[in-house]
Amino acid sequence: MQHSMKTTLLAATFAIFSSGYLSAANATDAVAAIAAAKDAQKQANSVGGEWRDTGKMIKKAEKLLKEGKTEEAAKLAQEAEAQGMLGYMQATSQTSDNLHI
């Protein structure tokens, strides 16, 4: 039962973040989204839960920002942030420590 609840919460979190909760209109939003993605990446990495593409997504978001594609950069950074958060949750849910609770 508890495993099912964690899976449901994980899926719900992914759905929320992948839908793009931040509508980026300017470079400041994109910069903030990239910073949040980096923070989530560090948190996931701290428990060995960083997903394969998170770093690549952040680098691509930074490139898009430099090209002036702020909305695309912010959206990609949000996806990277979601991956970081989910990676952290996944890694901690698979230990007996339950660090994410």
PDB file of N, CA and C in Angstrom:
ATOM      1  N   MET A   1       0.821  -1.189   0.000  1.00  0.00           N
ATOM      2  CA  MET A   1       0.000   0.000   0.000  1.00  0.00           C
ATOM      3  C   MET A   1       0.862   1.248   0.000  1.00  0.00           C
ATOM      4  N   GLN A   2       1.894   1.290   0.854  1.00  0.00           N
ATOM      5  CA  GLN A   2       2.739   2.470   0.932  1.00  0.00           C
ATOM      6  C   GLN A   2       3.497   2.675  -0.377  1.00  0.00           C
ATOM      7  N   HIS A   3       3.949   1.585  -0.998  1.00  0.00           N
ATOM      8  CA  HIS A   3       4.667   1.678  -2.268  1.00  0.00           C
ATOM      9  C   HIS A   3       3.752   2.266  -3.348  1.00  0.00           C
ATOM     10  N   SER A   4       2.487   1.846  -3.352  1.00  0.00           N
ATOM     11  CA  SER A   4       1.517   2.356  -4.318  1.00  0.00           C
ATOM     12  C   SER A   4       1.300   3.854  -4.131  1.00  0.00           C
ATOM     13  N   MET A   5       1.258   4.307  -2.904  1.00  0.00           N
ATOM     14  CA  MET A   5       1.064   5.727  -2.602  1.00  0.00           C
ATOM     15  C   MET A   5       2.259   6.542  -3.098  1.00  0.00           C
ATOM     16  N   LYS A   6       3.477   6.029  -2.889  1.00  0.00           N
ATOM     17  CA  LYS A   6       4.669   6.724  -3.351  1.00  0.00           C
ATOM     18  C   LYS A   6       4.668   6.819  -4.869  1.00  0.00           C
ATOM     19  N   THR A   7       4.276   5.732  -5.530  1.00  0.00           N
ATOM     20  CA  THR A   7       4.219   5.722  -6.987  1.00  0.00           C
ATOM     21  C   THR A   7       3.203   6.734  -7.491  1.00  0.00           C
ATOM     22  N   THR A   8       2.072   6.809  -6.835  1.00  0.00           N
ATOM     23  CA  THR A   8       1.034   7.771  -7.218  1.00  0.00           C
ATOM     24  C   THR A   8       1.523   9.204  -7.035  1.00  0.00           C
ATOM     25  N   LEU A   9       2.174   9.478  -5.908  1.00  0.00           N
ATOM     26  CA  LEU A   9       2.696  10.825  -5.662  1.00  0.00           C
ATOM     27  C   LEU A   9       3.773  11.177  -6.672  1.00  0.00           C
ATOM     28  N   LEU A  10       4.620  10.227  -6.998  1.00  0.00           N
ATOM     29  CA  LEU A  10       5.675  10.443  -7.981  1.00  0.00           C
ATOM     30  C   LEU A  10       5.073  10.786  -9.339  1.00  0.00           C
ATOM     31  N   ALA A  11       4.064  10.034  -9.746  1.00  0.00           N
ATOM     32  CA  ALA A  11       3.406  10.279 -11.030  1.00  0.00           C
ATOM     33  C   ALA A  11       2.703  11.637 -11.047  1.00  0.00           C
ATOM     34  N   ALA A  12       2.056  11.987  -9.950  1.00  0.00           N
ATOM     35  CA  ALA A  12       1.364  13.274  -9.874  1.00  0.00           C
ATOM     36  C   ALA A  12       2.349  14.431  -9.941  1.00  0.00           C
ATOM     37  N   THR A  13       3.469  14.293  -9.251  1.00  0.00           N
ATOM     38  CA  THR A  13       4.493  15.340  -9.278  1.00  0.00           C
ATOM     39  C   THR A  13       5.022  15.524 -10.686  1.00  0.00           C
ATOM     40  N   PHE A  14       5.295  14.429 -11.356  1.00  0.00           N
ATOM     41  CA  PHE A  14       5.801  14.506 -12.724  1.00  0.00           C
ATOM     42  C   PHE A  14       4.789  15.189 -13.637  1.00  0.00           C
ATOM     43  N   ALA A  15       3.529  14.845 -13.501  1.00  0.00           N
ATOM     44  CA  ALA A  15       2.484  15.449 -14.332  1.00  0.00           C
ATOM     45  C   ALA A  15       2.402  16.952 -14.124  1.00  0.00           C
ATOM     46  N   ILE A  16       2.501  17.390 -12.883  1.00  0.00           N
ATOM     47  CA  ILE A  16       2.425  18.816 -12.576  1.00  0.00           C
ATOM     48  C   ILE A  16       3.595  19.566 -13.192  1.00  0.00           C
ATOM     49  N   PHE A  17       4.807  19.054 -12.999  1.00  0.00           N
ATOM     50  CA  PHE A  17       5.977  19.767 -13.468  1.00  0.00           C
ATOM     51  C   PHE A  17       6.160  19.672 -14.972  1.00  0.00           C
ATOM     52  N   SER A  18       5.779  18.560 -15.580  1.00  0.00           N
ATOM     53  CA  SER A  18       5.961  18.439 -17.016  1.00  0.00           C
ATOM     54  C   SER A  18       4.944  19.277 -17.785  1.00  0.00           C
ATOM     55  N   SER A  19       3.876  19.704 -17.127  1.00  0.00           N
ATOM     56  CA  SER A  19       2.883  20.528 -17.795  1.00  0.00           C
ATOM     57  C   SER A  19       3.324  21.981 -17.907  1.00  0.00           C
ATOM     58  N   GLY A  20       4.409  22.351 -17.260  1.00  0.00           N
ATOM     59  CA  GLY A  20       4.946  23.707 -17.374  1.00  0.00           C
ATOM     60  C   GLY A  20       4.198  24.711 -16.518  1.00  0.00           C
ATOM     61  N   TYR A  21       4.410  24.663 -15.241  1.00  0.00           N
ATOM     62  CA  TYR A  21       3.689  25.551 -14.333  1.00  0.00           C
ATOM     63  C   TYR A  21       4.157  26.992 -14.418  1.00  0.00           C
ATOM     64  N   LEU A  22       5.312  27.247 -15.026  1.00  0.00           N
ATOM     65  CA  LEU A  22       5.836  28.606 -15.137  1.00  0.00           C
ATOM     66  C   LEU A  22       5.774  29.039 -16.594  1.00  0.00           C
ATOM     67  N   SER A  23       5.093  30.091 -16.868  1.00  0.00           N
ATOM     68  CA  SER A  23       5.032  30.620 -18.220  1.00  0.00           C
ATOM     69  C   SER A  23       6.080  31.711 -18.351  1.00  0.00           C
ATOM     70  N   ALA A  24       7.143  31.396 -19.032  1.00  0.00           N
ATOM     71  CA  ALA A  24       8.267  32.332 -19.112  1.00  0.00           C
ATOM     72  C   ALA A  24       7.998  33.399 -20.154  1.00  0.00           C
ATOM     73  N   ALA A  25       8.110  34.632 -19.745  1.00  0.00           N
ATOM     74  CA  ALA A  25       7.911  35.737 -20.662  1.00  0.00           C
ATOM     75  C   ALA A  25       9.195  36.521 -20.875  1.00  0.00           C
ATOM     76  N   ASN A  26      10.167  36.341 -19.986  1.00  0.00           N
ATOM     77  CA  ASN A  26      11.397  37.105 -20.128  1.00  0.00           C
ATOM     78  C   ASN A  26      12.602  36.307 -19.647  1.00  0.00           C
ATOM     79  N   ALA A  27      13.767  36.888 -19.830  1.00  0.00           N
ATOM     80  CA  ALA A  27      15.021  36.213 -19.483  1.00  0.00           C
ATOM     81  C   ALA A  27      15.141  35.955 -17.988  1.00  0.00           C
ATOM     82  N   THR A  28      14.574  36.828 -17.176  1.00  0.00           N
ATOM     83  CA  THR A  28      14.651  36.641 -15.730  1.00  0.00           C
ATOM     84  C   THR A  28      13.968  35.341 -15.313  1.00  0.00           C
ATOM     85  N   ASP A  29      12.821  35.053 -15.915  1.00  0.00           N
ATOM     86  CA  ASP A  29      12.118  33.806 -15.627  1.00  0.00           C
ATOM     87  C   ASP A  29      12.957  32.604 -16.031  1.00  0.00           C
ATOM     88  N   ALA A  30      13.580  32.678 -17.192  1.00  0.00           N
ATOM     89  CA  ALA A  30      14.406  31.570 -17.676  1.00  0.00           C
ATOM     90  C   ALA A  30      15.622  31.364 -16.778  1.00  0.00           C
ATOM     91  N   VAL A  31      16.251  32.451 -16.361  1.00  0.00           N
ATOM     92  CA  VAL A  31      17.414  32.356 -15.473  1.00  0.00           C
ATOM     93  C   VAL A  31      16.999  31.709 -14.149  1.00  0.00           C
ATOM     94  N   ALA A  32      15.865  32.118 -13.619  1.00  0.00           N
ATOM     95  CA  ALA A  32      15.372  31.547 -12.360  1.00  0.00           C
ATOM     96  C   ALA A  32      15.043  30.059 -12.526  1.00  0.00           C
ATOM     97  N   ALA A  33      14.464  29.711 -13.655  1.00  0.00           N
ATOM     98  CA  ALA A  33      14.127  28.310 -13.911  1.00  0.00           C
ATOM     99  C   ALA A  33      15.384  27.454 -14.021  1.00  0.00           C
ATOM    100  N   ILE A  34      16.408  27.984 -14.662  1.00  0.00           N
ATOM    101  CA  ILE A  34      17.676  27.260 -14.793  1.00  0.00           C
ATOM    102  C   ILE A  34      18.332  27.090 -13.423  1.00  0.00           C
ATOM    103  N   ALA A  35      18.295  28.135 -12.618  1.00  0.00           N
ATOM    104  CA  ALA A  35      18.863  28.046 -11.265  1.00  0.00           C
ATOM    105  C   ALA A  35      18.121  27.004 -10.430  1.00  0.00           C
ATOM    106  N   ALA A  36      16.808  26.968 -10.541  1.00  0.00           N
ATOM    107  CA  ALA A  36      16.014  25.985  -9.803  1.00  0.00           C
ATOM    108  C   ALA A  36      16.339  24.570 -10.282  1.00  0.00           C
ATOM    109  N   ALA A  37      16.545  24.427 -11.592  1.00  0.00           N
ATOM    110  CA  ALA A  37      16.895  23.116 -12.141  1.00  0.00           C
ATOM    111  C   ALA A  37      18.250  22.653 -11.618  1.00  0.00           C
ATOM    112  N   LYS A  38      19.198  23.569 -11.532  1.00  0.00           N
ATOM    113  CA  LYS A  38      20.524  23.219 -11.004  1.00  0.00           C
ATOM    114  C   LYS A  38      20.440  22.813  -9.541  1.00  0.00           C
ATOM    115  N   ASP A  39      19.619  23.510  -8.767  1.00  0.00           N
ATOM    116  CA  ASP A  39      19.441  23.162  -7.360  1.00  0.00           C
ATOM    117  C   ASP A  39      18.829  21.766  -7.214  1.00  0.00           C
ATOM    118  N   ALA A  40      17.817  21.484  -8.031  1.00  0.00           N
ATOM    119  CA  ALA A  40      17.177  20.170  -7.979  1.00  0.00           C
ATOM    120  C   ALA A  40      18.150  19.079  -8.420  1.00  0.00           C
ATOM    121  N   GLN A  41      18.979  19.399  -9.400  1.00  0.00           N
ATOM    122  CA  GLN A  41      19.987  18.443  -9.866  1.00  0.00           C
ATOM    123  C   GLN A  41      20.975  18.122  -8.741  1.00  0.00           C
ATOM    124  N   LYS A  42      21.429  19.147  -8.033  1.00  0.00           N
ATOM    125  CA  LYS A  42      22.364  18.943  -6.919  1.00  0.00           C
ATOM    126  C   LYS A  42      21.730  18.094  -5.820  1.00  0.00           C
ATOM    127  N   GLN A  43      20.466  18.364  -5.523  1.00  0.00           N
ATOM    128  CA  GLN A  43      19.782  17.610  -4.481  1.00  0.00           C
ATOM    129  C   GLN A  43      19.671  16.139  -4.882  1.00  0.00           C
ATOM    130  N   ALA A  44      19.304  15.882  -6.129  1.00  0.00           N
ATOM    131  CA  ALA A  44      19.201  14.499  -6.604  1.00  0.00           C
ATOM    132  C   ALA A  44      20.561  13.812  -6.569  1.00  0.00           C
ATOM    133  N   ASN A  45      21.581  14.530  -6.986  1.00  0.00           N
ATOM    134  CA  ASN A  45      22.931  13.974  -7.005  1.00  0.00           C
ATOM    135  C   ASN A  45      23.429  13.660  -5.594  1.00  0.00           C
ATOM    136  N   SER A  46      22.964  14.417  -4.618  1.00  0.00           N
ATOM    137  CA  SER A  46      23.418  14.214  -3.240  1.00  0.00           C
ATOM    138  C   SER A  46      23.004  12.857  -2.674  1.00  0.00           C
ATOM    139  N   VAL A  47      21.990  12.246  -3.264  1.00  0.00           N
ATOM    140  CA  VAL A  47      21.548  10.923  -2.816  1.00  0.00           C
ATOM    141  C   VAL A  47      21.716   9.872  -3.906  1.00  0.00           C
ATOM    142  N   GLY A  48      22.476  10.232  -4.951  1.00  0.00           N
ATOM    143  CA  GLY A  48      22.733   9.290  -6.040  1.00  0.00           C
ATOM    144  C   GLY A  48      21.538   9.068  -6.944  1.00  0.00           C
ATOM    145  N   GLY A  49      20.666  10.065  -7.039  1.00  0.00           N
ATOM    146  CA  GLY A  49      19.441   9.900  -7.813  1.00  0.00           C
ATOM    147  C   GLY A  49      19.343  10.757  -9.060  1.00  0.00           C
ATOM    148  N   GLU A  50      20.466  11.348  -9.496  1.00  0.00           N
ATOM    149  CA  GLU A  50      20.394  12.199 -10.683  1.00  0.00           C
ATOM    150  C   GLU A  50      20.098  11.359 -11.915  1.00  0.00           C
ATOM    151  N   TRP A  51      19.136  11.810 -12.679  1.00  0.00           N
ATOM    152  CA  TRP A  51      18.768  11.092 -13.893  1.00  0.00           C
ATOM    153  C   TRP A  51      19.729  11.447 -15.021  1.00  0.00           C
ATOM    154  N   ARG A  52      19.817  10.578 -15.990  1.00  0.00           N
ATOM    155  CA  ARG A  52      20.790  10.675 -17.075  1.00  0.00           C
ATOM    156  C   ARG A  52      20.742  11.996 -17.842  1.00  0.00           C
ATOM    157  N   ASP A  53      19.583  12.467 -18.183  1.00  0.00           N
ATOM    158  CA  ASP A  53      19.474  13.614 -19.092  1.00  0.00           C
ATOM    159  C   ASP A  53      19.349  14.968 -18.405  1.00  0.00           C
ATOM    160  N   THR A  54      19.280  15.006 -17.104  1.00  0.00           N
ATOM    161  CA  THR A  54      19.050  16.268 -16.403  1.00  0.00           C
ATOM    162  C   THR A  54      20.117  17.304 -16.728  1.00  0.00           C
ATOM    163  N   GLY A  55      21.373  16.930 -16.631  1.00  0.00           N
ATOM    164  CA  GLY A  55      22.470  17.864 -16.929  1.00  0.00           C
ATOM    165  C   GLY A  55      22.447  18.329 -18.374  1.00  0.00           C
ATOM    166  N   LYS A  56      22.142  17.414 -19.282  1.00  0.00           N
ATOM    167  CA  LYS A  56      22.064  17.767 -20.706  1.00  0.00           C
ATOM    168  C   LYS A  56      20.951  18.781 -20.941  1.00  0.00           C
ATOM    169  N   MET A  57      19.840  18.581 -20.265  1.00  0.00           N
ATOM    170  CA  MET A  57      18.708  19.495 -20.423  1.00  0.00           C
ATOM    171  C   MET A  57      19.057  20.894 -19.911  1.00  0.00           C
ATOM    172  N   ILE A  58      19.778  20.952 -18.803  1.00  0.00           N
ATOM    173  CA  ILE A  58      20.175  22.247 -18.246  1.00  0.00           C
ATOM    174  C   ILE A  58      21.118  22.966 -19.209  1.00  0.00           C
ATOM    175  N   LYS A  59      22.085  22.244 -19.755  1.00  0.00           N
ATOM    176  CA  LYS A  59      23.018  22.854 -20.714  1.00  0.00           C
ATOM    177  C   LYS A  59      22.283  23.358 -21.946  1.00  0.00           C
ATOM    178  N   LYS A  60      21.314  22.585 -22.422  1.00  0.00           N
ATOM    179  CA  LYS A  60      20.549  23.017 -23.588  1.00  0.00           C
ATOM    180  C   LYS A  60      19.701  24.247 -23.252  1.00  0.00           C
ATOM    181  N   ALA A  61      19.140  24.280 -22.049  1.00  0.00           N
ATOM    182  CA  ALA A  61      18.357  25.444 -21.631  1.00  0.00           C
ATOM    183  C   ALA A  61      19.228  26.693 -21.585  1.00  0.00           C
ATOM    184  N   GLU A  62      20.465  26.541 -21.083  1.00  0.00           N
ATOM    185  CA  GLU A  62      21.390  27.683 -21.048  1.00  0.00           C
ATOM    186  C   GLU A  62      21.725  28.156 -22.462  1.00  0.00           C
ATOM    187  N   LYS A  63      21.874  27.219 -23.376  1.00  0.00           N
ATOM    188  CA  LYS A  63      22.161  27.570 -24.769  1.00  0.00           C
ATOM    189  C   LYS A  63      20.968  28.305 -25.387  1.00  0.00           C
ATOM    190  N   LEU A  64      19.771  27.807 -25.129  1.00  0.00           N
ATOM    191  CA  LEU A  64      18.572  28.464 -25.647  1.00  0.00           C
ATOM    192  C   LEU A  64      18.441  29.883 -25.096  1.00  0.00           C
ATOM    193  N   LEU A  65      18.780  30.054 -23.835  1.00  0.00           N
ATOM    194  CA  LEU A  65      18.720  31.384 -23.227  1.00  0.00           C
ATOM    195  C   LEU A  65      19.684  32.335 -23.925  1.00  0.00           C
ATOM    196  N   LYS A  66      20.907  31.860 -24.197  1.00  0.00           N
ATOM    197  CA  LYS A  66      21.887  32.699 -24.893  1.00  0.00           C
ATOM    198  C   LYS A  66      21.417  33.070 -26.293  1.00  0.00           C
ATOM    199  N   GLU A  67      20.629  32.183 -26.913  1.00  0.00           N
ATOM    200  CA  GLU A  67      20.092  32.442 -28.251  1.00  0.00           C
ATOM    201  C   GLU A  67      18.857  33.333 -28.213  1.00  0.00           C
ATOM    202  N   GLY A  68      18.424  33.700 -27.014  1.00  0.00           N
ATOM    203  CA  GLY A  68      17.266  34.573 -26.874  1.00  0.00           C
ATOM    204  C   GLY A  68      15.933  33.845 -26.875  1.00  0.00           C
ATOM    205  N   LYS A  69      15.967  32.543 -26.807  1.00  0.00           N
ATOM    206  CA  LYS A  69      14.740  31.736 -26.807  1.00  0.00           C
ATOM    207  C   LYS A  69      14.347  31.469 -25.351  1.00  0.00           C
ATOM    208  N   THR A  70      13.901  32.534 -24.697  1.00  0.00           N
ATOM    209  CA  THR A  70      13.683  32.473 -23.252  1.00  0.00           C
ATOM    210  C   THR A  70      12.549  31.533 -22.852  1.00  0.00           C
ATOM    211  N   GLU A  71      11.475  31.532 -23.604  1.00  0.00           N
ATOM    212  CA  GLU A  71      10.347  30.677 -23.246  1.00  0.00           C
ATOM    213  C   GLU A  71      10.720  29.201 -23.362  1.00  0.00           C
ATOM    214  N   GLU A  72      11.416  28.846 -24.442  1.00  0.00           N
ATOM    215  CA  GLU A  72      11.863  27.464 -24.618  1.00  0.00           C
ATOM    216  C   GLU A  72      12.872  27.085 -23.536  1.00  0.00           C
ATOM    217  N   ALA A  73      13.757  28.007 -23.210  1.00  0.00           N
ATOM    218  CA  ALA A  73      14.772  27.748 -22.179  1.00  0.00           C
ATOM    219  C   ALA A  73      14.107  27.488 -20.832  1.00  0.00           C
ATOM    220  N   ALA A  74      13.137  28.310 -20.483  1.00  0.00           N
ATOM    221  CA  ALA A  74      12.452  28.152 -19.200  1.00  0.00           C
ATOM    222  C   ALA A  74      11.691  26.835 -19.149  1.00  0.00           C
ATOM    223  N   LYS A  75      11.021  26.489 -20.224  1.00  0.00           N
ATOM    224  CA  LYS A  75      10.257  25.244 -20.244  1.00  0.00           C
ATOM    225  C   LYS A  75      11.178  24.044 -20.086  1.00  0.00           C
ATOM    226  N   LEU A  76      12.291  24.034 -20.791  1.00  0.00           N
ATOM    227  CA  LEU A  76      13.234  22.928 -20.688  1.00  0.00           C
ATOM    228  C   LEU A  76      13.856  22.865 -19.289  1.00  0.00           C
ATOM    229  N   ALA A  77      14.150  24.028 -18.724  1.00  0.00           N
ATOM    230  CA  ALA A  77      14.701  24.073 -17.369  1.00  0.00           C
ATOM    231  C   ALA A  77      13.689  23.545 -16.353  1.00  0.00           C
ATOM    232  N   GLN A  78      12.422  23.825 -16.560  1.00  0.00           N
ATOM    233  CA  GLN A  78      11.380  23.304 -15.674  1.00  0.00           C
ATOM    234  C   GLN A  78      11.334  21.779 -15.744  1.00  0.00           C
ATOM    235  N   GLU A  79      11.477  21.248 -16.935  1.00  0.00           N
ATOM    236  CA  GLU A  79      11.491  19.800 -17.094  1.00  0.00           C
ATOM    237  C   GLU A  79      12.712  19.208 -16.387  1.00  0.00           C
ATOM    238  N   ALA A  80      13.846  19.881 -16.504  1.00  0.00           N
ATOM    239  CA  ALA A  80      15.061  19.419 -15.827  1.00  0.00           C
ATOM    240  C   ALA A  80      14.880  19.479 -14.306  1.00  0.00           C
ATOM    241  N   GLU A  81      14.226  20.543 -13.834  1.00  0.00           N
ATOM    242  CA  GLU A  81      13.960  20.654 -12.397  1.00  0.00           C
ATOM    243  C   GLU A  81      13.067  19.501 -11.935  1.00  0.00           C
ATOM    244  N   ALA A  82      12.040  19.202 -12.721  1.00  0.00           N
ATOM    245  CA  ALA A  82      11.153  18.092 -12.379  1.00  0.00           C
ATOM    246  C   ALA A  82      11.922  16.779 -12.327  1.00  0.00           C
ATOM    247  N   GLN A  83      12.824  16.589 -13.285  1.00  0.00           N
ATOM    248  CA  GLN A  83      13.639  15.376 -13.274  1.00  0.00           C
ATOM    249  C   GLN A  83      14.503  15.315 -12.022  1.00  0.00           C
ATOM    250  N   GLY A  84      15.064  16.438 -11.633  1.00  0.00           N
ATOM    251  CA  GLY A  84      15.875  16.471 -10.427  1.00  0.00           C
ATOM    252  C   GLY A  84      15.067  16.117  -9.195  1.00  0.00           C
ATOM    253  N   MET A  85      13.891  16.692  -9.094  1.00  0.00           N
ATOM    254  CA  MET A  85      13.028  16.422  -7.942  1.00  0.00           C
ATOM    255  C   MET A  85      12.579  14.962  -7.928  1.00  0.00           C
ATOM    256  N   LEU A  86      12.212  14.465  -9.088  1.00  0.00           N
ATOM    257  CA  LEU A  86      11.762  13.078  -9.174  1.00  0.00           C
ATOM    258  C   LEU A  86      12.902  12.101  -8.928  1.00  0.00           C
ATOM    259  N   GLY A  87      14.092  12.445  -9.408  1.00  0.00           N
ATOM    260  CA  GLY A  87      15.257  11.600  -9.154  1.00  0.00           C
ATOM    261  C   GLY A  87      15.559  11.511  -7.671  1.00  0.00           C
ATOM    262  N   TYR A  88      15.449  12.639  -6.991  1.00  0.00           N
ATOM    263  CA  TYR A  88      15.652  12.665  -5.539  1.00  0.00           C
ATOM    264  C   TYR A  88      14.606  11.800  -4.846  1.00  0.00           C
ATOM    265  N   MET A  89      13.348  11.990  -5.219  1.00  0.00           N
ATOM    266  CA  MET A  89      12.268  11.217  -4.606  1.00  0.00           C
ATOM    267  C   MET A  89      12.427   9.730  -4.881  1.00  0.00           C
ATOM    268  N   GLN A  90      12.815   9.408  -6.093  1.00  0.00           N
ATOM    269  CA  GLN A  90      12.994   8.007  -6.446  1.00  0.00           C
ATOM    270  C   GLN A  90      14.112   7.377  -5.612  1.00  0.00           C
ATOM    271  N   ALA A  91      15.235   8.061  -5.549  1.00  0.00           N
ATOM    272  CA  ALA A  91      16.374   7.513  -4.811  1.00  0.00           C
ATOM    273  C   ALA A  91      16.067   7.365  -3.327  1.00  0.00           C
ATOM    274  N   THR A  92      15.411   8.353  -2.755  1.00  0.00           N
ATOM    275  CA  THR A  92      15.131   8.291  -1.325  1.00  0.00           C
ATOM    276  C   THR A  92      13.996   7.326  -1.002  1.00  0.00           C
ATOM    277  N   SER A  93      13.097   7.111  -1.927  1.00  0.00           N
ATOM    278  CA  SER A  93      12.005   6.177  -1.666  1.00  0.00           C
ATOM    279  C   SER A  93      12.476   4.734  -1.734  1.00  0.00           C
ATOM    280  N   GLN A  94      13.646   4.522  -2.324  1.00  0.00           N
ATOM    281  CA  GLN A  94      14.168   3.169  -2.452  1.00  0.00           C
ATOM    282  C   GLN A  94      15.175   2.839  -1.335  1.00  0.00           C
ATOM    283  N   THR A  95      15.174   3.661  -0.310  1.00  0.00           N
ATOM    284  CA  THR A  95      16.004   3.388   0.860  1.00  0.00           C
ATOM    285  C   THR A  95      15.091   3.237   2.064  1.00  0.00           C
ATOM    286  N   SER A  96      15.632   2.722   3.116  1.00  0.00           N
ATOM    287  CA  SER A  96      14.852   2.586   4.345  1.00  0.00           C
ATOM    288  C   SER A  96      14.819   3.885   5.136  1.00  0.00           C
ATOM    289  N   ASP A  97      15.602   4.878   4.711  1.00  0.00           N
ATOM    290  CA  ASP A  97      15.687   6.141   5.439  1.00  0.00           C
ATOM    291  C   ASP A  97      14.495   7.046   5.218  1.00  0.00           C
ATOM    292  N   ASN A  98      13.822   6.918   4.070  1.00  0.00           N
ATOM    293  CA  ASN A  98      12.698   7.783   3.716  1.00  0.00           C
ATOM    294  C   ASN A  98      13.047   9.248   3.894  1.00  0.00           C
ATOM    295  N   LEU A  99      14.116   9.693   3.248  1.00  0.00           N
ATOM    296  CA  LEU A  99      14.616  11.045   3.395  1.00  0.00           C
ATOM    297  C   LEU A  99      13.671  12.118   2.862  1.00  0.00           C
ATOM    298  N   HIS A 100      12.830  11.773   1.912  1.00  0.00           N
ATOM    299  CA  HIS A 100      11.967  12.780   1.289  1.00  0.00           C
ATOM    300  C   HIS A 100      10.713  13.092   2.090  1.00  0.00           C
ATOM    301  N   ILE A 101      10.462  12.378   3.123  1.00  0.00           N
ATOM    302  CA  ILE A 101       9.241  12.598   3.918  1.00  0.00           C
ATOM    303  C   ILE A 101       9.476  13.692   4.929  1.00  0.00           C
TER     304      ILE A 101
END
